[in-house]
């Protein structure tokens, strides 16, 4: 086996792992009931699954101009995807979006229990 066959096999494994991660993440997304956990999970699914998939594509195709473009897209996704998820969650929080199960703020509870 030469190096190109090994890179193609490694690329196929990474592509399969990325697709599997995205599939399992999308299926398990329905386990979360509220907005904030769902936005966290979707951010992880997109970031990790898509990055694994794109790295697998780069390994599978070898060194070319196409691989450089895919690596540039990978870097952009790595930077922007968590940032966009944070902006969406923060804007929902600042707009006053509440969770279904009302959370209790620790500062509002009776402080005499700890004494």
N, C-alpha and C. Protein backbone atom coordinates (compact mmCIF):
# COMPACT_ATOMS: atom_id res chain seq x y z
N UNK A 1 0.85 -1.20 0.00
CA UNK A 1 0.00 0.00 0.00
C UNK A 1 0.88 1.24 0.00
N UNK A 2 0.55 2.15 -0.86
CA UNK A 2 1.29 3.40 -0.87
C UNK A 2 0.54 4.46 -0.05
N UNK A 3 1.15 5.63 0.06
CA UNK A 3 0.62 6.68 0.94
C UNK A 3 -0.72 7.22 0.46
N UNK A 4 -0.95 7.23 -0.86
CA UNK A 4 -2.22 7.77 -1.36
C UNK A 4 -3.39 6.87 -0.99
N UNK A 5 -3.17 5.56 -1.00
CA UNK A 5 -4.25 4.65 -0.58
C UNK A 5 -4.53 4.79 0.91
N UNK A 6 -3.50 4.97 1.72
CA UNK A 6 -3.69 5.15 3.16
C UNK A 6 -4.45 6.45 3.43
N UNK A 7 -4.10 7.52 2.71
CA UNK A 7 -4.81 8.79 2.89
C UNK A 7 -6.27 8.69 2.45
N UNK A 8 -6.54 7.93 1.39
CA UNK A 8 -7.93 7.76 0.96
C UNK A 8 -8.73 6.95 1.98
N UNK A 9 -8.13 5.94 2.55
CA UNK A 9 -8.82 5.15 3.58
C UNK A 9 -9.06 6.00 4.82
N UNK A 10 -8.04 6.76 5.24
CA UNK A 10 -8.21 7.65 6.40
C UNK A 10 -9.27 8.71 6.12
N UNK A 11 -9.30 9.22 4.90
CA UNK A 11 -10.32 10.19 4.52
C UNK A 11 -11.71 9.60 4.56
N UNK A 12 -11.85 8.38 4.07
CA UNK A 12 -13.16 7.71 4.11
C UNK A 12 -13.62 7.47 5.54
N UNK A 13 -12.69 7.09 6.40
CA UNK A 13 -13.04 6.88 7.82
C UNK A 13 -13.47 8.19 8.46
N UNK A 14 -12.76 9.28 8.18
CA UNK A 14 -13.12 10.58 8.76
C UNK A 14 -14.46 11.07 8.22
N UNK A 15 -14.72 10.85 6.95
CA UNK A 15 -16.01 11.24 6.37
C UNK A 15 -17.14 10.44 7.03
N UNK A 16 -16.93 9.15 7.19
CA UNK A 16 -17.94 8.31 7.86
C UNK A 16 -18.15 8.72 9.30
N UNK A 17 -17.07 9.06 10.00
CA UNK A 17 -17.20 9.49 11.40
C UNK A 17 -17.95 10.81 11.49
N UNK A 18 -17.68 11.74 10.56
CA UNK A 18 -18.39 13.02 10.56
C UNK A 18 -19.87 12.85 10.30
N UNK A 19 -20.21 12.01 9.33
CA UNK A 19 -21.62 11.77 9.03
C UNK A 19 -22.30 11.07 10.20
N UNK A 20 -21.63 10.09 10.81
CA UNK A 20 -22.21 9.39 11.96
C UNK A 20 -22.42 10.34 13.13
N UNK A 21 -21.45 11.21 13.39
CA UNK A 21 -21.59 12.17 14.49
C UNK A 21 -22.77 13.10 14.26
N UNK A 22 -22.90 13.58 13.03
CA UNK A 22 -24.01 14.48 12.73
C UNK A 22 -25.36 13.75 12.81
N UNK A 23 -25.40 12.50 12.38
CA UNK A 23 -26.65 11.73 12.44
C UNK A 23 -27.05 11.44 13.88
N UNK A 24 -26.10 10.95 14.70
CA UNK A 24 -26.41 10.66 16.09
C UNK A 24 -26.77 11.94 16.85
N UNK A 25 -26.11 13.03 16.54
CA UNK A 25 -26.42 14.29 17.19
C UNK A 25 -27.80 14.79 16.84
N UNK A 26 -28.18 14.66 15.57
CA UNK A 26 -29.51 15.11 15.14
C UNK A 26 -30.60 14.25 15.75
N UNK A 27 -30.37 12.96 15.88
CA UNK A 27 -31.36 12.07 16.48
C UNK A 27 -31.51 12.37 17.97
N UNK A 28 -30.40 12.58 18.65
CA UNK A 28 -30.44 12.84 20.10
C UNK A 28 -30.79 14.28 20.44
N UNK A 29 -30.90 15.13 19.45
CA UNK A 29 -31.29 16.52 19.69
C UNK A 29 -32.68 16.60 20.29
N UNK A 30 -33.53 15.66 19.96
CA UNK A 30 -34.92 15.70 20.43
C UNK A 30 -35.04 15.32 21.91
N UNK A 31 -33.97 14.89 22.53
CA UNK A 31 -34.01 14.57 23.96
C UNK A 31 -34.04 15.83 24.82
N UNK A 32 -33.59 16.94 24.26
CA UNK A 32 -33.55 18.19 25.00
C UNK A 32 -34.85 18.95 24.77
N UNK A 33 -35.41 19.50 25.84
CA UNK A 33 -36.72 20.13 25.74
C UNK A 33 -36.66 21.64 25.58
N UNK A 34 -35.61 22.26 26.03
CA UNK A 34 -35.56 23.72 26.05
C UNK A 34 -34.63 24.26 24.97
N UNK A 35 -34.74 25.56 24.76
CA UNK A 35 -34.00 26.23 23.69
C UNK A 35 -32.50 26.24 23.94
N UNK A 36 -32.08 26.58 25.15
CA UNK A 36 -30.65 26.77 25.42
C UNK A 36 -29.85 25.47 25.30
N UNK A 37 -30.31 24.35 25.84
CA UNK A 37 -29.55 23.11 25.60
C UNK A 37 -29.54 22.70 24.12
N UNK A 38 -30.64 22.97 23.43
CA UNK A 38 -30.68 22.61 22.01
C UNK A 38 -29.71 23.43 21.19
N UNK A 39 -29.59 24.72 21.49
CA UNK A 39 -28.65 25.54 20.71
C UNK A 39 -27.22 25.12 21.00
N UNK A 40 -26.93 24.70 22.22
CA UNK A 40 -25.59 24.21 22.55
C UNK A 40 -25.28 22.94 21.77
N UNK A 41 -26.23 22.02 21.75
CA UNK A 41 -26.00 20.74 21.08
C UNK A 41 -25.89 20.93 19.57
N UNK A 42 -26.74 21.77 18.99
CA UNK A 42 -26.65 21.98 17.54
C UNK A 42 -25.33 22.64 17.16
N UNK A 43 -24.82 23.51 18.02
CA UNK A 43 -23.52 24.11 17.74
C UNK A 43 -22.42 23.05 17.74
N UNK A 44 -22.48 22.13 18.68
CA UNK A 44 -21.47 21.06 18.74
C UNK A 44 -21.60 20.12 17.54
N UNK A 45 -22.84 19.79 17.17
CA UNK A 45 -23.06 18.91 16.02
C UNK A 45 -22.48 19.53 14.77
N UNK A 46 -22.82 20.80 14.54
CA UNK A 46 -22.34 21.47 13.33
C UNK A 46 -20.82 21.58 13.32
N UNK A 47 -20.27 22.02 14.42
CA UNK A 47 -18.83 22.28 14.45
C UNK A 47 -18.03 20.99 14.32
N UNK A 48 -18.26 20.05 15.20
CA UNK A 48 -17.44 18.83 15.21
C UNK A 48 -17.75 17.94 14.01
N UNK A 49 -19.03 17.75 13.71
CA UNK A 49 -19.39 16.87 12.60
C UNK A 49 -18.93 17.41 11.26
N UNK A 50 -19.16 18.68 11.02
CA UNK A 50 -18.78 19.26 9.74
C UNK A 50 -17.26 19.37 9.59
N UNK A 51 -16.57 19.70 10.67
CA UNK A 51 -15.11 19.78 10.60
C UNK A 51 -14.50 18.41 10.33
N UNK A 52 -15.03 17.37 10.96
CA UNK A 52 -14.53 16.02 10.70
C UNK A 52 -14.80 15.62 9.26
N UNK A 53 -15.97 15.96 8.77
CA UNK A 53 -16.32 15.66 7.39
C UNK A 53 -15.40 16.39 6.41
N UNK A 54 -15.15 17.67 6.65
CA UNK A 54 -14.30 18.44 5.74
C UNK A 54 -12.84 18.00 5.79
N UNK A 55 -12.35 17.64 6.96
CA UNK A 55 -10.99 17.12 7.06
C UNK A 55 -10.88 15.79 6.33
N UNK A 56 -11.92 14.96 6.43
CA UNK A 56 -11.93 13.71 5.67
C UNK A 56 -11.91 13.94 4.17
N UNK A 57 -12.63 14.98 3.72
CA UNK A 57 -12.60 15.32 2.29
C UNK A 57 -11.20 15.76 1.88
N UNK A 58 -10.54 16.54 2.72
CA UNK A 58 -9.17 16.97 2.40
C UNK A 58 -8.22 15.79 2.33
N UNK A 59 -8.35 14.85 3.27
CA UNK A 59 -7.48 13.67 3.24
C UNK A 59 -7.75 12.81 2.01
N UNK A 60 -9.01 12.68 1.66
CA UNK A 60 -9.39 11.83 0.55
C UNK A 60 -8.90 12.38 -0.80
N UNK A 61 -8.91 13.70 -0.96
CA UNK A 61 -8.54 14.30 -2.25
C UNK A 61 -7.06 14.59 -2.38
N UNK A 62 -6.31 14.58 -1.30
CA UNK A 62 -4.88 14.88 -1.39
C UNK A 62 -4.63 16.37 -1.47
N UNK A 63 -3.39 16.73 -1.77
CA UNK A 63 -3.01 18.14 -1.81
C UNK A 63 -3.36 18.70 -3.19
N UNK A 64 -4.24 19.72 -3.17
CA UNK A 64 -4.63 20.39 -4.41
C UNK A 64 -5.19 21.77 -4.06
N UNK A 65 -5.55 22.51 -5.09
CA UNK A 65 -6.16 23.81 -4.86
C UNK A 65 -7.52 23.66 -4.17
N UNK A 66 -8.24 22.60 -4.52
CA UNK A 66 -9.53 22.30 -3.88
C UNK A 66 -9.36 22.08 -2.38
N UNK A 67 -8.32 21.36 -1.99
CA UNK A 67 -8.05 21.10 -0.57
C UNK A 67 -7.76 22.40 0.17
N UNK A 68 -7.05 23.32 -0.48
CA UNK A 68 -6.79 24.62 0.15
C UNK A 68 -8.07 25.40 0.39
N UNK A 69 -8.99 25.34 -0.57
CA UNK A 69 -10.27 26.03 -0.39
C UNK A 69 -11.09 25.39 0.73
N UNK A 70 -11.08 24.06 0.80
CA UNK A 70 -11.82 23.36 1.85
C UNK A 70 -11.21 23.66 3.22
N UNK A 71 -9.89 23.73 3.31
CA UNK A 71 -9.25 24.08 4.58
C UNK A 71 -9.58 25.51 5.00
N UNK A 72 -9.67 26.42 4.05
CA UNK A 72 -10.07 27.79 4.35
C UNK A 72 -11.50 27.84 4.88
N UNK A 73 -12.39 27.09 4.25
CA UNK A 73 -13.78 27.00 4.74
C UNK A 73 -13.81 26.37 6.13
N UNK A 74 -12.96 25.37 6.37
CA UNK A 74 -12.89 24.73 7.69
C UNK A 74 -12.48 25.73 8.77
N UNK A 75 -11.50 26.55 8.48
CA UNK A 75 -11.05 27.55 9.46
C UNK A 75 -12.15 28.58 9.73
N UNK A 76 -12.84 29.00 8.68
CA UNK A 76 -13.93 29.96 8.85
C UNK A 76 -15.05 29.36 9.70
N UNK A 77 -15.40 28.11 9.45
CA UNK A 77 -16.45 27.45 10.23
C UNK A 77 -16.01 27.29 11.68
N UNK A 78 -14.75 26.95 11.89
CA UNK A 78 -14.23 26.77 13.24
C UNK A 78 -14.33 28.05 14.05
N UNK A 79 -14.15 29.18 13.41
CA UNK A 79 -14.22 30.47 14.10
C UNK A 79 -15.66 30.95 14.24
N UNK A 80 -16.43 30.90 13.16
CA UNK A 80 -17.75 31.54 13.15
C UNK A 80 -18.87 30.73 13.79
N UNK A 81 -18.84 29.42 13.68
CA UNK A 81 -19.97 28.63 14.16
C UNK A 81 -20.21 28.77 15.67
N UNK A 82 -19.21 28.62 16.54
CA UNK A 82 -19.47 28.84 17.96
C UNK A 82 -19.85 30.29 18.28
N UNK A 83 -19.29 31.23 17.53
CA UNK A 83 -19.60 32.63 17.76
C UNK A 83 -21.07 32.93 17.43
N UNK A 84 -21.56 32.39 16.34
CA UNK A 84 -22.95 32.61 15.95
C UNK A 84 -23.90 31.96 16.94
N UNK A 85 -23.57 30.76 17.43
CA UNK A 85 -24.42 30.11 18.43
C UNK A 85 -24.46 30.93 19.71
N UNK A 86 -23.33 31.49 20.10
CA UNK A 86 -23.29 32.34 21.29
C UNK A 86 -24.13 33.60 21.10
N UNK A 87 -24.05 34.20 19.93
CA UNK A 87 -24.82 35.42 19.66
C UNK A 87 -26.31 35.14 19.69
N UNK A 88 -26.74 34.02 19.11
CA UNK A 88 -28.16 33.67 19.11
C UNK A 88 -28.65 33.39 20.54
N UNK A 89 -27.88 32.64 21.32
CA UNK A 89 -28.27 32.35 22.69
C UNK A 89 -28.28 33.61 23.55
N UNK A 90 -27.30 34.47 23.37
CA UNK A 90 -27.24 35.70 24.16
C UNK A 90 -28.38 36.63 23.80
N UNK A 91 -28.72 36.73 22.52
CA UNK A 91 -29.83 37.60 22.14
C UNK A 91 -31.15 37.06 22.67
N UNK A 92 -31.31 35.75 22.72
CA UNK A 92 -32.52 35.18 23.31
C UNK A 92 -32.57 35.47 24.81
N UNK A 93 -31.42 35.38 25.47
CA UNK A 93 -31.37 35.68 26.91
C UNK A 93 -31.68 37.15 27.18
N UNK A 94 -31.08 38.04 26.40
CA UNK A 94 -31.32 39.47 26.60
C UNK A 94 -32.74 39.87 26.24
N UNK A 95 -33.38 39.13 25.34
CA UNK A 95 -34.77 39.42 24.99
C UNK A 95 -35.73 38.90 26.05
N UNK A 96 -35.22 38.14 27.03
CA UNK A 96 -36.06 37.66 28.12
C UNK A 96 -36.66 36.29 27.89
N UNK A 97 -36.09 35.52 26.99
CA UNK A 97 -36.62 34.18 26.73
C UNK A 97 -36.40 33.32 27.96
N UNK A 98 -37.47 32.69 28.45
CA UNK A 98 -37.41 31.87 29.65
C UNK A 98 -37.44 30.39 29.27
N UNK A 99 -36.87 29.57 30.13
CA UNK A 99 -36.95 28.13 29.97
C UNK A 99 -38.33 27.66 30.40
N UNK A 100 -38.74 26.48 29.93
CA UNK A 100 -40.06 25.95 30.30
C UNK A 100 -40.13 25.68 31.79
N UNK A 101 -39.16 24.97 32.35
CA UNK A 101 -39.10 24.74 33.79
C UNK A 101 -38.47 25.96 34.43
N UNK A 102 -39.25 26.71 35.19
CA UNK A 102 -38.74 27.96 35.75
C UNK A 102 -37.57 27.67 36.69
N UNK A 103 -36.43 28.25 36.37
CA UNK A 103 -35.25 28.08 37.21
C UNK A 103 -35.29 29.07 38.36
N UNK A 104 -34.70 28.66 39.47
CA UNK A 104 -34.66 29.51 40.65
C UNK A 104 -33.26 30.08 40.76
N UNK A 105 -33.20 31.40 40.90
CA UNK A 105 -31.90 32.06 41.06
C UNK A 105 -31.42 31.84 42.49
N UNK A 106 -30.16 31.46 42.66
CA UNK A 106 -29.62 31.18 43.99
C UNK A 106 -29.62 32.42 44.87
N UNK A 107 -29.52 33.60 44.29
CA UNK A 107 -29.49 34.81 45.10
C UNK A 107 -30.88 35.15 45.66
N UNK A 108 -31.95 34.59 45.06
CA UNK A 108 -33.29 34.86 45.54
C UNK A 108 -33.77 33.86 46.58
N UNK A 109 -33.05 32.78 46.81
CA UNK A 109 -33.47 31.77 47.77
C UNK A 109 -33.14 32.22 49.18
N UNK A 110 -33.70 31.52 50.15
CA UNK A 110 -33.47 31.84 51.56
C UNK A 110 -32.03 31.50 51.93
N UNK A 111 -31.29 32.48 52.39
CA UNK A 111 -29.88 32.26 52.71
C UNK A 111 -29.69 31.69 54.11
N UNK A 112 -30.76 31.53 54.87
CA UNK A 112 -30.63 31.00 56.22
C UNK A 112 -30.41 29.50 56.24
N UNK A 113 -30.61 28.81 55.13
CA UNK A 113 -30.43 27.36 55.09
C UNK A 113 -28.96 26.98 55.28
N UNK A 114 -28.06 27.77 54.77
CA UNK A 114 -26.65 27.46 54.84
C UNK A 114 -26.03 27.79 56.18
N UNK A 115 -26.73 28.48 57.04
CA UNK A 115 -26.15 28.88 58.33
C UNK A 115 -26.39 27.88 59.41
